């Protein structure tokens, strides 16, 4: 019987000669092709400081804490500080929250920042001097961030501030029970060790002269002026503003608050001053806010901790009159648009003082009347590169339109530094396009084991209301390692080898160092690799004809 006819009577697979599986290039059957893609992790996308969170978490989950810290420092010079006071938009965006609880990114960042202080890690200059000198006005988070990044880019930097110590609202607006001052001092010292010159107790009054003396100027004047309210009051009423109260406490003053304190406002500053009043001996601290709790601008953790410490809340209320020892509040109701309307119902409350926490403004006297600088709604208008209408004059932080948080301010400082550097060099700072977002539906969460979030320790309540000791503690090396390993590496390869293992055609080739490629001669486009990728980094595309 001829050889060919013998093969015709056998199953196809048995007719294959040795080595013929390599000769039979099954890639020709394909209608779709897999490709490795990078997607933007939602934590990175949500970080106002622009940190590459997923990158430094990867170092942390390998217990390479110094590399993790250095990855943070590429974007944010205040990890120990922000690990305490940031309101964690990264965790709000974290995909793991849909599975169980978000990764404790902020907790790990604080651990890394504290470890750097303990170990004495420092940043060194690598670029040659540019010969340019930049003035930064304001030694708060935005100004110091800009100074840090400008220095790394090779420029001489002088920072001037009218306050006796650096830190801005990190020092004068955030109480020590949230942010110990030795932490702020250590991270500022690291910046000055790079050669940034601090001139404190020095108020800048003539910008024209400074623009002539320096190659560029960055304005980072914080919001230190409390908004006022026209409250009818008797001659003996004691009315203060929250910013002055908090700054006075920092400077060692004892504000005359009395035993019963009413705080008017609903933001984070209102929570801070009410909690501070409790620590200063107030037996009763009540926050009066004209809307409901769900409409309060204060972050939920701030409200929760204030309630735990005995601060009372009077929602849907406004102060109608203040006099010695008492206030009169009017009950409000929300209309169909959510705006509070008076009801005509009044109630008297005992109060030795009223503290106004209705928001803050920046002192813009420095730029008023300056050619080509536009002020609107109490803020300075800037372009996409944070430059005002005046060439060489940049602005950021609280004095421009933005959310007023330290993390946002730090991000402004970095962005300003990059744009100032580009302007000084006669170029334009160009950022690469952002990848598409790594959404939860792209993940294969079956592969991730249950791992409840680590809870940071907190000071017992009795000590919280009687001292300014730090309320929230940090993680140790083991809990920080565990928390970092909860990261699902959304949108970026975590080198799990799933694609390599499940491919029925052995078409996935390991290149080493976490790199893979698809051998298209043999890939049939079955999509198993994409379906089984835990972090959603493989996508199927139509085969090109």
Protein backbone atom coordinates (compact mmCIF):
# COMPACT_ATOMS: atom_id res chain seq x y z
CA UNK A 1 0.00 0.00 0.00
CA UNK A 2 1.49 3.37 -0.95
CA UNK A 3 2.73 5.49 1.99
CA UNK A 4 0.35 8.38 1.24
CA UNK A 5 -2.77 6.21 1.28
CA UNK A 6 -1.67 4.66 4.59
CA UNK A 7 -1.58 8.14 6.16
CA UNK A 8 -4.97 8.98 4.71
CA UNK A 9 -6.59 6.31 6.87
CA UNK A 10 -5.06 7.61 10.14
CA UNK A 11 -6.11 10.54 12.38
CA UNK A 12 -4.46 13.81 11.43
CA UNK A 13 -2.35 14.14 14.58
CA UNK A 14 -0.75 10.72 14.06
CA UNK A 15 0.32 11.66 10.55
CA UNK A 16 2.56 14.47 11.86
CA UNK A 17 6.20 13.58 11.59
CA UNK A 18 8.67 14.43 14.34
CA UNK A 19 9.28 18.18 14.33
CA UNK A 20 6.31 18.90 12.14
CA UNK A 21 4.52 20.89 14.91
CA UNK A 22 7.12 23.55 14.39
CA UNK A 23 6.69 23.36 10.68
CA UNK A 24 2.90 23.71 10.98
CA UNK A 25 2.69 27.39 11.82
CA UNK A 26 -0.73 27.59 13.44
CA UNK A 27 -0.58 31.39 13.57
CA UNK A 28 -2.13 31.35 10.12
CA UNK A 29 -5.48 30.33 11.73
CA UNK A 30 -5.67 33.54 13.77
CA UNK A 31 -8.34 36.27 13.50
CA UNK A 32 -7.21 38.18 16.61
CA UNK A 33 -3.75 38.87 17.96
CA UNK A 34 -2.76 39.46 21.61
CA UNK A 35 -0.51 42.36 22.55
CA UNK A 36 0.98 43.57 25.81
CA UNK A 37 -0.17 47.08 26.68
CA UNK A 38 0.55 49.51 29.49
CA UNK A 39 -2.44 51.08 31.17
CA UNK A 40 -2.60 53.90 33.69
CA UNK A 41 -3.24 52.60 37.22
CA UNK A 42 -6.15 54.48 38.83
CA UNK A 43 -4.01 55.31 41.88
CA UNK A 44 -1.43 57.07 39.69
CA UNK A 45 -4.20 58.83 37.80
CA UNK A 46 -5.77 60.18 41.00
CA UNK A 47 -2.58 61.40 42.72
CA UNK A 48 -2.43 65.23 42.66
CA UNK A 49 1.33 65.10 43.25
CA UNK A 50 1.77 62.90 40.17
CA UNK A 51 3.47 60.04 41.99
CA UNK A 52 4.16 56.79 40.18
CA UNK A 53 2.46 54.91 42.99
CA UNK A 54 2.42 51.52 41.36
CA UNK A 55 6.15 51.70 40.68
CA UNK A 56 7.11 52.45 44.26
CA UNK A 57 4.65 49.90 45.63
CA UNK A 58 6.40 47.28 43.48
CA UNK A 59 9.72 48.13 45.14
CA UNK A 60 8.04 48.08 48.55
CA UNK A 61 6.49 44.66 48.01
CA UNK A 62 9.99 43.36 47.32
CA UNK A 63 11.09 44.93 50.64
CA UNK A 64 13.39 47.26 48.72
CA UNK A 65 12.28 50.22 50.80
CA UNK A 66 15.02 52.62 49.81
CA UNK A 67 14.27 52.20 46.10
CA UNK A 68 10.57 52.69 46.87
CA UNK A 69 11.35 55.89 48.76
CA UNK A 70 13.55 57.19 45.95
CA UNK A 71 10.75 56.53 43.46
CA UNK A 72 8.44 58.69 45.58
CA UNK A 73 11.09 61.40 45.90
CA UNK A 74 11.22 61.72 42.12
CA UNK A 75 7.82 63.40 42.41
CA UNK A 76 7.19 64.35 46.04
CA UNK A 77 9.79 65.50 48.59
CA UNK A 78 7.38 65.03 51.54
CA UNK A 79 6.47 61.32 51.85
CA UNK A 80 6.52 61.24 55.66
CA UNK A 81 4.43 64.41 55.80
CA UNK A 82 1.93 63.41 53.13
CA UNK A 83 1.73 59.91 54.59
CA UNK A 84 0.03 61.68 57.50
CA UNK A 85 -2.06 64.49 56.04
CA UNK A 86 -2.97 63.51 52.47
CA UNK A 87 -6.65 62.71 52.01
CA UNK A 88 -5.80 59.71 49.84
CA UNK A 89 -7.54 60.22 46.52
CA UNK A 90 -5.35 57.33 45.33
CA UNK A 91 -7.12 54.99 47.73
CA UNK A 92 -10.55 56.27 46.72
CA UNK A 93 -9.65 55.36 43.13
CA UNK A 94 -7.98 52.01 43.98
CA UNK A 95 -9.50 49.06 42.09
CA UNK A 96 -8.95 46.81 45.09
CA UNK A 97 -11.75 48.69 46.89
CA UNK A 98 -14.21 46.94 44.58
CA UNK A 99 -12.78 43.54 45.53
CA UNK A 100 -12.49 44.13 49.30
CA UNK A 101 -10.71 47.24 50.62
CA UNK A 102 -8.32 49.68 48.94
CA UNK A 103 -4.59 49.20 49.31
CA UNK A 104 -3.28 51.31 52.21
CA UNK A 105 -1.09 53.37 49.87
CA UNK A 106 -0.89 56.28 52.27
CA UNK A 107 0.15 53.99 55.14
CA UNK A 108 3.00 52.53 53.11
CA UNK A 109 4.10 55.99 51.97
CA UNK A 110 4.28 57.15 55.57
CA UNK A 111 6.32 54.09 56.54
CA UNK A 112 8.79 54.79 53.73
CA UNK A 113 9.04 58.46 54.67
CA UNK A 114 9.64 57.64 58.32
CA UNK A 115 12.18 54.96 57.42
CA UNK A 116 14.09 57.48 55.29
CA UNK A 117 14.30 59.88 58.23
CA UNK A 118 15.40 57.09 60.57
CA UNK A 119 18.00 55.73 58.13
CA UNK A 120 19.24 59.14 57.01
CA UNK A 121 18.57 58.61 53.32
CA UNK A 122 19.29 61.67 51.21
CA UNK A 123 18.94 62.88 47.65
CA UNK A 124 21.97 64.02 45.69
CA UNK A 125 22.35 66.43 42.79
CA UNK A 126 23.27 64.83 39.47
CA UNK A 127 22.82 67.60 36.90
CA UNK A 128 25.42 70.32 36.32
CA UNK A 129 24.66 73.89 37.47
CA UNK A 130 22.54 75.82 34.97
CA UNK A 131 23.79 79.25 35.98
CA UNK A 132 20.19 80.38 36.55
CA UNK A 133 18.75 81.64 39.83
CA UNK A 134 15.04 81.35 40.70
CA UNK A 135 13.19 83.11 43.51
CA UNK A 136 10.36 81.23 45.23
CA UNK A 137 7.97 83.35 47.29
CA UNK A 138 6.43 81.18 50.00
CA UNK A 139 7.92 78.32 52.00
CA UNK A 140 4.80 76.15 52.09
CA UNK A 141 4.29 72.81 50.33
CA UNK A 142 4.06 74.31 46.85
CA UNK A 143 7.04 76.63 47.21
CA UNK A 144 9.28 74.03 48.83
CA UNK A 145 8.28 71.40 46.24
CA UNK A 146 9.18 73.81 43.44
CA UNK A 147 12.49 74.66 45.13
CA UNK A 148 13.35 70.98 45.51
CA UNK A 149 12.66 70.12 41.88
CA UNK A 150 14.34 73.27 40.55
CA UNK A 151 17.44 72.41 42.55
CA UNK A 152 17.49 68.87 41.13
CA UNK A 153 17.27 70.42 37.67
CA UNK A 154 20.47 72.36 38.33
CA UNK A 155 19.20 75.84 39.25
CA UNK A 156 20.10 78.02 42.20
CA UNK A 157 17.03 78.63 44.36
CA UNK A 158 16.20 81.17 47.05
CA UNK A 159 12.97 80.78 49.03
CA UNK A 160 11.61 83.77 50.93
CA UNK A 161 8.80 83.66 53.47
CA UNK A 162 7.47 86.17 55.98
CA UNK A 163 6.97 83.52 58.69
CA UNK A 164 9.72 82.72 61.18
CA UNK A 165 9.77 79.02 60.19
CA UNK A 166 9.29 77.16 56.92
CA UNK A 167 6.40 74.85 56.14
CA UNK A 168 3.50 77.18 55.45
CA UNK A 169 0.13 75.63 56.23
CA UNK A 170 1.83 72.30 56.97
CA UNK A 171 3.20 74.00 60.06
CA UNK A 172 0.80 76.83 60.77
CA UNK A 173 -2.48 75.31 59.62
CA UNK A 174 -2.30 71.61 60.50
CA UNK A 175 -2.21 70.75 64.23
CA UNK A 176 0.67 68.76 65.67
CA UNK A 177 -1.60 65.84 66.61
CA UNK A 178 -1.93 65.22 62.87
CA UNK A 179 1.58 66.22 61.81
CA UNK A 180 4.47 66.20 64.33
CA UNK A 181 6.82 69.09 63.73
CA UNK A 182 9.98 66.98 63.83
CA UNK A 183 8.72 65.21 60.70
CA UNK A 184 8.19 68.52 58.87
CA UNK A 185 11.59 69.77 60.02
CA UNK A 186 13.39 66.63 58.81
CA UNK A 187 11.89 66.75 55.33
CA UNK A 188 12.52 70.48 54.95
CA UNK A 189 16.12 69.99 56.11
CA UNK A 190 16.63 67.45 53.34
CA UNK A 191 15.65 70.16 50.82
CA UNK A 192 17.94 72.79 52.30
CA UNK A 193 20.78 70.25 52.37
CA UNK A 194 20.59 70.29 48.57
CA UNK A 195 21.61 73.95 48.66
CA UNK A 196 18.20 75.64 48.62
CA UNK A 197 18.58 78.98 50.43
CA UNK A 198 15.84 79.84 52.94
CA UNK A 199 15.30 83.48 53.88
CA UNK A 200 12.65 83.43 56.61
CA UNK A 201 11.00 86.39 58.28
CA UNK A 202 11.48 88.20 54.97
CA UNK A 203 8.47 89.64 53.18
CA UNK A 204 8.66 90.26 49.44
CA UNK A 205 7.10 93.64 48.60
CA UNK A 206 8.49 94.64 45.20
CA UNK A 207 8.02 92.01 42.50
CA UNK A 208 9.32 94.28 39.77
CA UNK A 209 12.67 94.45 41.54
CA UNK A 210 12.71 90.67 42.09
CA UNK A 211 11.89 89.95 38.45
CA UNK A 212 14.85 92.10 37.49
CA UNK A 213 17.17 90.42 39.99
CA UNK A 214 16.24 86.75 39.32
CA UNK A 215 15.90 84.73 36.14
CA UNK A 216 12.38 83.60 37.12
CA UNK A 217 10.01 83.94 40.06
CA UNK A 218 7.52 81.39 41.39
CA UNK A 219 4.74 82.70 43.63
CA UNK A 220 3.44 80.20 46.18
CA UNK A 221 1.71 82.45 48.69
CA UNK A 222 -0.52 80.28 50.87
CA UNK A 223 -4.07 81.07 51.96
CA UNK A 224 -3.42 82.55 55.40
CA UNK A 225 -6.28 85.07 55.56
CA UNK A 226 -9.51 83.77 57.06
CA UNK A 227 -12.76 84.70 55.34
CA UNK A 228 -15.00 86.92 57.44
CA UNK A 229 -18.75 86.69 57.97
CA UNK A 230 -21.10 89.53 58.76
CA UNK A 231 -22.58 88.09 61.96
CA UNK A 232 -24.66 90.48 64.06
CA UNK A 233 -22.91 90.58 67.42
CA UNK A 234 -22.98 92.35 70.72
CA UNK A 235 -20.07 94.47 71.91
CA UNK A 236 -18.84 91.71 74.21
CA UNK A 237 -18.90 88.90 71.68
CA UNK A 238 -15.57 87.13 71.19
CA UNK A 239 -15.15 86.28 67.49
CA UNK A 240 -11.88 84.88 66.13
CA UNK A 241 -10.79 83.29 62.86
CA UNK A 242 -9.59 79.71 62.64
CA UNK A 243 -6.37 80.42 60.74
CA UNK A 244 -5.18 82.84 63.42
CA UNK A 245 -6.14 80.42 66.21
CA UNK A 246 -4.19 77.52 64.67
CA UNK A 247 -1.18 79.71 63.83
CA UNK A 248 -1.19 81.16 67.34
CA UNK A 249 -1.16 77.70 68.91
CA UNK A 250 1.82 76.79 66.72
CA UNK A 251 3.65 79.91 67.90
CA UNK A 252 3.01 79.04 71.55
CA UNK A 253 0.11 81.39 72.20
CA UNK A 254 -2.90 80.43 74.29
CA UNK A 255 -5.97 81.66 72.40
CA UNK A 256 -8.78 83.00 74.61
CA UNK A 257 -11.41 80.49 73.58
CA UNK A 258 -13.10 79.82 76.91
CA UNK A 259 -14.70 76.56 77.98
CA UNK A 260 -17.50 76.56 75.40
CA UNK A 261 -16.44 77.08 71.78
CA UNK A 262 -18.60 77.37 68.68
CA UNK A 263 -16.89 76.81 65.32
CA UNK A 264 -18.68 78.21 62.29
CA UNK A 265 -17.95 76.26 59.10
CA UNK A 266 -17.82 72.75 57.72
CA UNK A 267 -14.37 72.22 56.21
CA UNK A 268 -11.25 70.46 57.44
CA UNK A 269 -10.05 73.64 59.15
CA UNK A 270 -13.29 73.71 61.17
CA UNK A 271 -12.60 70.16 62.34
CA UNK A 272 -8.99 71.03 63.18
CA UNK A 273 -9.89 74.07 65.28
CA UNK A 274 -12.71 72.25 67.10
CA UNK A 275 -10.40 69.36 67.97
CA UNK A 276 -7.69 71.82 68.99
CA UNK A 277 -10.16 73.59 71.28
CA UNK A 278 -10.85 70.28 73.03
CA UNK A 279 -7.13 69.79 73.58
CA UNK A 280 -6.83 73.32 74.98
CA UNK A 281 -9.39 72.52 77.64
CA UNK A 282 -12.77 73.34 76.11
CA UNK A 283 -15.45 71.21 77.72
CA UNK A 284 -17.82 71.82 74.84
CA UNK A 285 -16.89 72.34 71.19
CA UNK A 286 -19.71 72.54 68.68
CA UNK A 287 -19.42 72.89 64.90
CA UNK A 288 -22.24 74.89 63.32
CA UNK A 289 -22.72 74.14 59.62
CA UNK A 290 -25.58 75.21 57.39
CA UNK A 291 -25.85 72.07 55.29
CA UNK A 292 -26.10 68.33 56.05
CA UNK A 293 -23.23 66.00 56.86
CA UNK A 294 -23.14 64.48 53.37
CA UNK A 295 -22.60 67.98 51.93
CA UNK A 296 -19.83 68.89 54.36
CA UNK A 297 -16.55 69.74 52.58
CA UNK A 298 -14.55 68.22 55.47
CA UNK A 299 -13.17 64.79 54.71
CA UNK A 300 -15.01 61.93 56.37
CA UNK A 301 -12.04 60.81 58.50
CA UNK A 302 -11.78 64.33 59.95
CA UNK A 303 -15.46 64.35 60.88
CA UNK A 304 -15.28 60.86 62.38
CA UNK A 305 -12.27 61.67 64.57
CA UNK A 306 -13.83 64.94 65.72
CA UNK A 307 -17.01 63.12 66.77
CA UNK A 308 -14.94 60.50 68.62
CA UNK A 309 -13.25 63.30 70.56
CA UNK A 310 -16.54 64.75 71.72
CA UNK A 311 -17.00 67.54 69.18
CA UNK A 312 -20.71 68.15 68.64
CA UNK A 313 -22.17 68.89 65.22
CA UNK A 314 -25.12 71.16 64.50
CA UNK A 315 -25.96 70.55 60.89
CA UNK A 316 -28.53 72.63 58.99
CA UNK A 317 -27.78 75.59 61.24
CA UNK A 318 -26.38 79.08 60.87
CA UNK A 319 -25.27 81.63 63.46
CA UNK A 320 -27.78 84.51 63.50
CA UNK A 321 -26.37 86.44 66.46
CA UNK A 322 -23.46 86.28 68.89
CA UNK A 323 -23.03 87.91 72.27
CA UNK A 324 -21.05 87.36 75.43
CA UNK A 325 -21.48 83.76 76.52
CA UNK A 326 -24.07 82.72 73.93
CA UNK A 327 -24.99 82.46 70.29
CA UNK A 328 -28.33 82.24 68.56
CA UNK A 329 -28.57 79.74 65.72
CA UNK A 330 -31.26 79.54 63.07
CA UNK A 331 -32.31 76.17 61.74
CA UNK A 332 -32.05 75.75 57.97
CA UNK A 333 -33.60 73.47 55.39
CA UNK A 334 -32.32 72.53 51.96
CA UNK A 335 -34.38 73.54 48.95
CA UNK A 336 -34.79 71.41 45.82
CA UNK A 337 -31.39 72.61 44.54
CA UNK A 338 -29.64 71.70 47.80
CA UNK A 339 -29.19 75.32 48.87
CA UNK A 340 -29.90 76.07 52.56
CA UNK A 341 -32.89 78.27 53.29
CA UNK A 342 -33.84 79.88 56.65
CA UNK A 343 -36.80 78.45 58.58
CA UNK A 344 -37.37 81.19 61.12
CA UNK A 345 -36.77 78.71 63.96
CA UNK A 346 -34.13 79.84 66.47
CA UNK A 347 -32.28 78.30 69.38
CA UNK A 348 -29.78 79.72 71.88
CA UNK A 349 -26.53 77.92 72.70
CA UNK A 350 -23.91 78.67 75.33
CA UNK A 351 -20.63 79.78 73.73
CA UNK A 352 -17.74 81.77 75.18
CA UNK A 353 -16.25 82.32 71.72
CA UNK A 354 -17.05 81.91 68.04
CA UNK A 355 -14.30 80.76 65.67
CA UNK A 356 -14.91 81.46 61.99
CA UNK A 357 -13.74 78.65 59.71
CA UNK A 358 -15.36 79.75 56.47
CA UNK A 359 -12.40 79.31 54.17
CA UNK A 360 -9.14 81.13 53.52
CA UNK A 361 -7.77 83.60 51.02
CA UNK A 362 -4.26 84.37 49.81
CA UNK A 363 -2.78 87.81 50.30
CA UNK A 364 -2.52 89.03 46.70
CA UNK A 365 -1.29 92.55 47.49
CA UNK A 366 2.06 91.53 46.01
CA UNK A 367 0.62 91.15 42.50
CA UNK A 368 -2.15 93.74 42.54
CA UNK A 369 -1.47 96.35 39.88
CA UNK A 370 1.32 94.31 38.29
CA UNK A 371 1.24 94.52 34.51
CA UNK A 372 -0.19 91.46 32.71
CA UNK A 373 -1.18 89.64 35.93
CA UNK A 374 -4.90 88.89 36.07
CA UNK A 375 -6.71 88.42 39.39
CA UNK A 376 -10.23 87.01 39.36
CA UNK A 377 -12.33 85.65 42.24
CA UNK A 378 -9.47 86.26 44.70
CA UNK A 379 -7.01 84.03 42.79
CA UNK A 380 -4.30 84.61 40.19
CA UNK A 381 -5.04 83.37 36.70
CA UNK A 382 -2.32 81.27 35.07
CA UNK A 383 -1.89 79.41 31.80
CA UNK A 384 -1.41 75.69 31.20
CA UNK A 385 2.27 76.01 32.19
CA UNK A 386 1.46 77.89 35.44
CA UNK A 387 2.91 81.13 34.06
CA UNK A 388 1.00 84.35 34.61
CA UNK A 389 0.61 86.88 31.82
CA UNK A 390 3.97 88.30 32.89
CA UNK A 391 6.88 86.40 31.26
CA UNK A 392 9.03 84.68 33.88
CA UNK A 393 6.45 85.01 36.66
CA UNK A 394 4.82 81.72 37.63
CA UNK A 395 2.28 80.93 40.36
CA UNK A 396 0.80 77.87 42.05
CA UNK A 397 -0.67 76.43 45.22
CA UNK A 398 -3.49 78.15 47.06
CA UNK A 399 -3.20 81.40 45.11
CA UNK A 400 -4.42 79.92 41.79
CA UNK A 401 -7.75 78.23 40.97
CA UNK A 402 -7.49 74.71 42.41
CA UNK A 403 -8.44 72.42 45.23
CA UNK A 404 -6.66 73.61 48.35
CA UNK A 405 -4.78 70.64 49.76
CA UNK A 406 -1.10 70.12 50.46
CA UNK A 407 -0.92 67.29 47.91
CA UNK A 408 -2.29 69.51 45.15
CA UNK A 409 0.15 72.24 46.15
CA UNK A 410 3.09 69.81 45.98
CA UNK A 411 1.99 68.78 42.50
CA UNK A 412 1.84 72.45 41.46
CA UNK A 413 5.39 72.93 42.72
CA UNK A 414 6.71 70.06 40.62
CA UNK A 415 4.81 71.20 37.54
CA UNK A 416 6.01 74.77 38.00
CA UNK A 417 9.63 73.63 38.35
CA UNK A 418 9.49 71.68 35.12
CA UNK A 419 7.93 74.57 33.25
CA UNK A 420 10.30 77.15 34.74
CA UNK A 421 13.22 74.92 33.75
CA UNK A 422 11.88 74.63 30.20
CA UNK A 423 11.27 78.39 29.98
CA UNK A 424 14.78 79.17 31.20
CA UNK A 425 16.21 76.81 28.58
CA UNK A 426 14.03 78.19 25.79
CA UNK A 427 12.02 75.01 25.36
CA UNK A 428 8.58 73.72 26.35
CA UNK A 429 7.97 70.99 28.91
CA UNK A 430 6.35 68.12 27.04
CA UNK A 431 4.75 65.27 28.96
CA UNK A 432 4.12 61.94 27.18
CA UNK A 433 0.46 61.13 26.46
CA UNK A 434 -1.35 59.34 29.25
CA UNK A 435 -2.23 55.68 28.81
CA UNK A 436 -5.82 54.52 28.94
CA UNK A 437 -7.07 53.86 32.46
CA UNK A 438 -6.78 50.36 33.93
CA UNK A 439 -10.36 49.80 35.00
CA UNK A 440 -11.60 47.07 37.31
CA UNK A 441 -13.43 45.18 34.53
CA UNK A 442 -10.07 44.48 32.86
CA UNK A 443 -8.70 42.60 35.87
CA UNK A 444 -8.89 38.89 36.59
CA UNK A 445 -9.36 39.08 40.35
CA UNK A 446 -9.75 35.33 40.84
CA UNK A 447 -5.99 35.14 41.24
CA UNK A 448 -5.83 37.53 44.18
CA UNK A 449 -6.25 36.01 47.62
CA UNK A 450 -8.28 37.62 50.38
CA UNK A 451 -6.12 40.13 52.21
CA UNK A 452 -7.87 42.57 54.56
CA UNK A 453 -6.35 46.03 54.77
CA UNK A 454 -3.97 46.79 57.61
CA UNK A 455 -5.43 49.18 60.18
CA UNK A 456 -3.09 51.85 61.51
CA UNK A 457 -2.92 52.05 65.32
CA UNK A 458 -4.49 55.07 66.99
CA UNK A 459 -3.88 56.81 70.28
CA UNK A 460 -6.36 56.03 73.05
CA UNK A 461 -9.14 58.58 73.34
CA UNK A 462 -8.21 59.90 76.80
CA UNK A 463 -4.77 61.00 75.60
CA UNK A 464 -6.13 62.33 72.32
CA UNK A 465 -8.22 65.06 73.96
CA UNK A 466 -5.67 66.00 76.58
CA UNK A 467 -2.43 66.21 74.57
CA UNK A 468 -1.18 67.13 71.12
CA UNK A 469 0.46 63.70 70.73
CA UNK A 470 0.10 62.19 67.27
CA UNK A 471 -3.27 60.44 66.95
CA UNK A 472 -2.58 57.96 64.14
CA UNK A 473 0.42 55.66 64.25
CA UNK A 474 2.37 54.09 61.40
CA UNK A 475 3.04 50.63 60.05
CA UNK A 476 6.12 48.56 60.80
CA UNK A 477 8.24 46.74 58.23
CA UNK A 478 6.12 43.59 58.24
CA UNK A 479 2.73 45.29 57.98
CA UNK A 480 4.03 47.71 55.34
CA UNK A 481 5.29 44.72 53.32
CA UNK A 482 1.91 42.99 53.63
CA UNK A 483 0.03 46.12 52.61
CA UNK A 484 2.27 46.75 49.59
CA UNK A 485 1.69 43.15 48.45
CA UNK A 486 -2.05 43.79 48.34
CA UNK A 487 -1.48 45.89 45.20
CA UNK A 488 -2.98 44.22 42.12
CA UNK A 489 -0.61 45.97 39.67
CA UNK A 490 -3.55 47.22 37.63
CA UNK A 491 -2.63 47.75 34.01
CA UNK A 492 1.04 46.79 34.30
CA UNK A 493 2.69 43.39 34.09
CA UNK A 494 3.44 41.82 37.47
CA UNK A 495 5.57 38.98 35.98
CA UNK A 496 3.23 36.23 37.19
CA UNK A 497 3.94 34.00 34.15
CA UNK A 498 0.25 33.20 33.72
CA UNK A 499 0.37 33.97 30.00
CA UNK A 500 3.40 31.72 29.60
CA UNK A 501 1.76 28.89 31.53
CA UNK A 502 -1.70 28.85 29.95
CA UNK A 503 -0.77 29.29 26.28
CA UNK A 504 -1.74 26.02 24.52
CA UNK A 505 0.64 26.77 21.64
CA UNK A 506 3.72 27.67 23.68
CA UNK A 507 3.63 30.95 21.77
CA UNK A 508 4.59 33.14 24.73
CA UNK A 509 8.33 33.73 24.95
CA UNK A 510 9.95 34.88 28.19
CA UNK A 511 12.58 37.51 27.51
CA UNK A 512 13.59 38.02 31.14
CA UNK A 513 13.32 41.08 33.38
CA UNK A 514 9.54 40.87 33.28
CA UNK A 515 9.36 41.07 29.50
CA UNK A 516 7.42 38.73 27.19
CA UNK A 517 6.64 38.57 23.51
CA UNK A 518 4.21 36.60 21.39
CA UNK A 519 5.53 34.25 18.71
CA UNK A 520 3.01 35.08 16.01
CA UNK A 521 4.03 32.11 13.90
CA UNK A 522 2.22 29.85 16.39
CA UNK A 523 -0.28 32.04 18.27
CA UNK A 524 -3.82 31.08 17.15
CA UNK A 525 -5.37 34.13 18.83
CA UNK A 526 -7.40 32.00 21.24
CA UNK A 527 -7.31 34.78 23.87
CA UNK A 528 -6.49 32.55 26.84
CA UNK A 529 -3.53 34.74 27.80
CA UNK A 530 -5.71 37.86 27.84
CA UNK A 531 -8.50 36.12 29.74
CA UNK A 532 -6.15 34.82 32.43
CA UNK A 533 -3.97 37.93 32.87
CA UNK A 534 -4.61 39.11 36.44
CA UNK A 535 -3.64 42.75 35.85
CA UNK A 536 -5.27 43.29 32.47
CA UNK A 537 -2.16 44.05 30.43
CA UNK A 538 -2.90 41.79 27.45
CA UNK A 539 -5.45 42.93 24.90
CA UNK A 540 -6.79 41.19 21.82
CA UNK A 541 -6.69 43.19 18.59
CA UNK A 542 -8.13 42.26 15.17
CA UNK A 543 -5.61 40.53 12.93
CA UNK A 544 -4.36 42.78 10.17
CA UNK A 545 -5.16 41.35 6.78
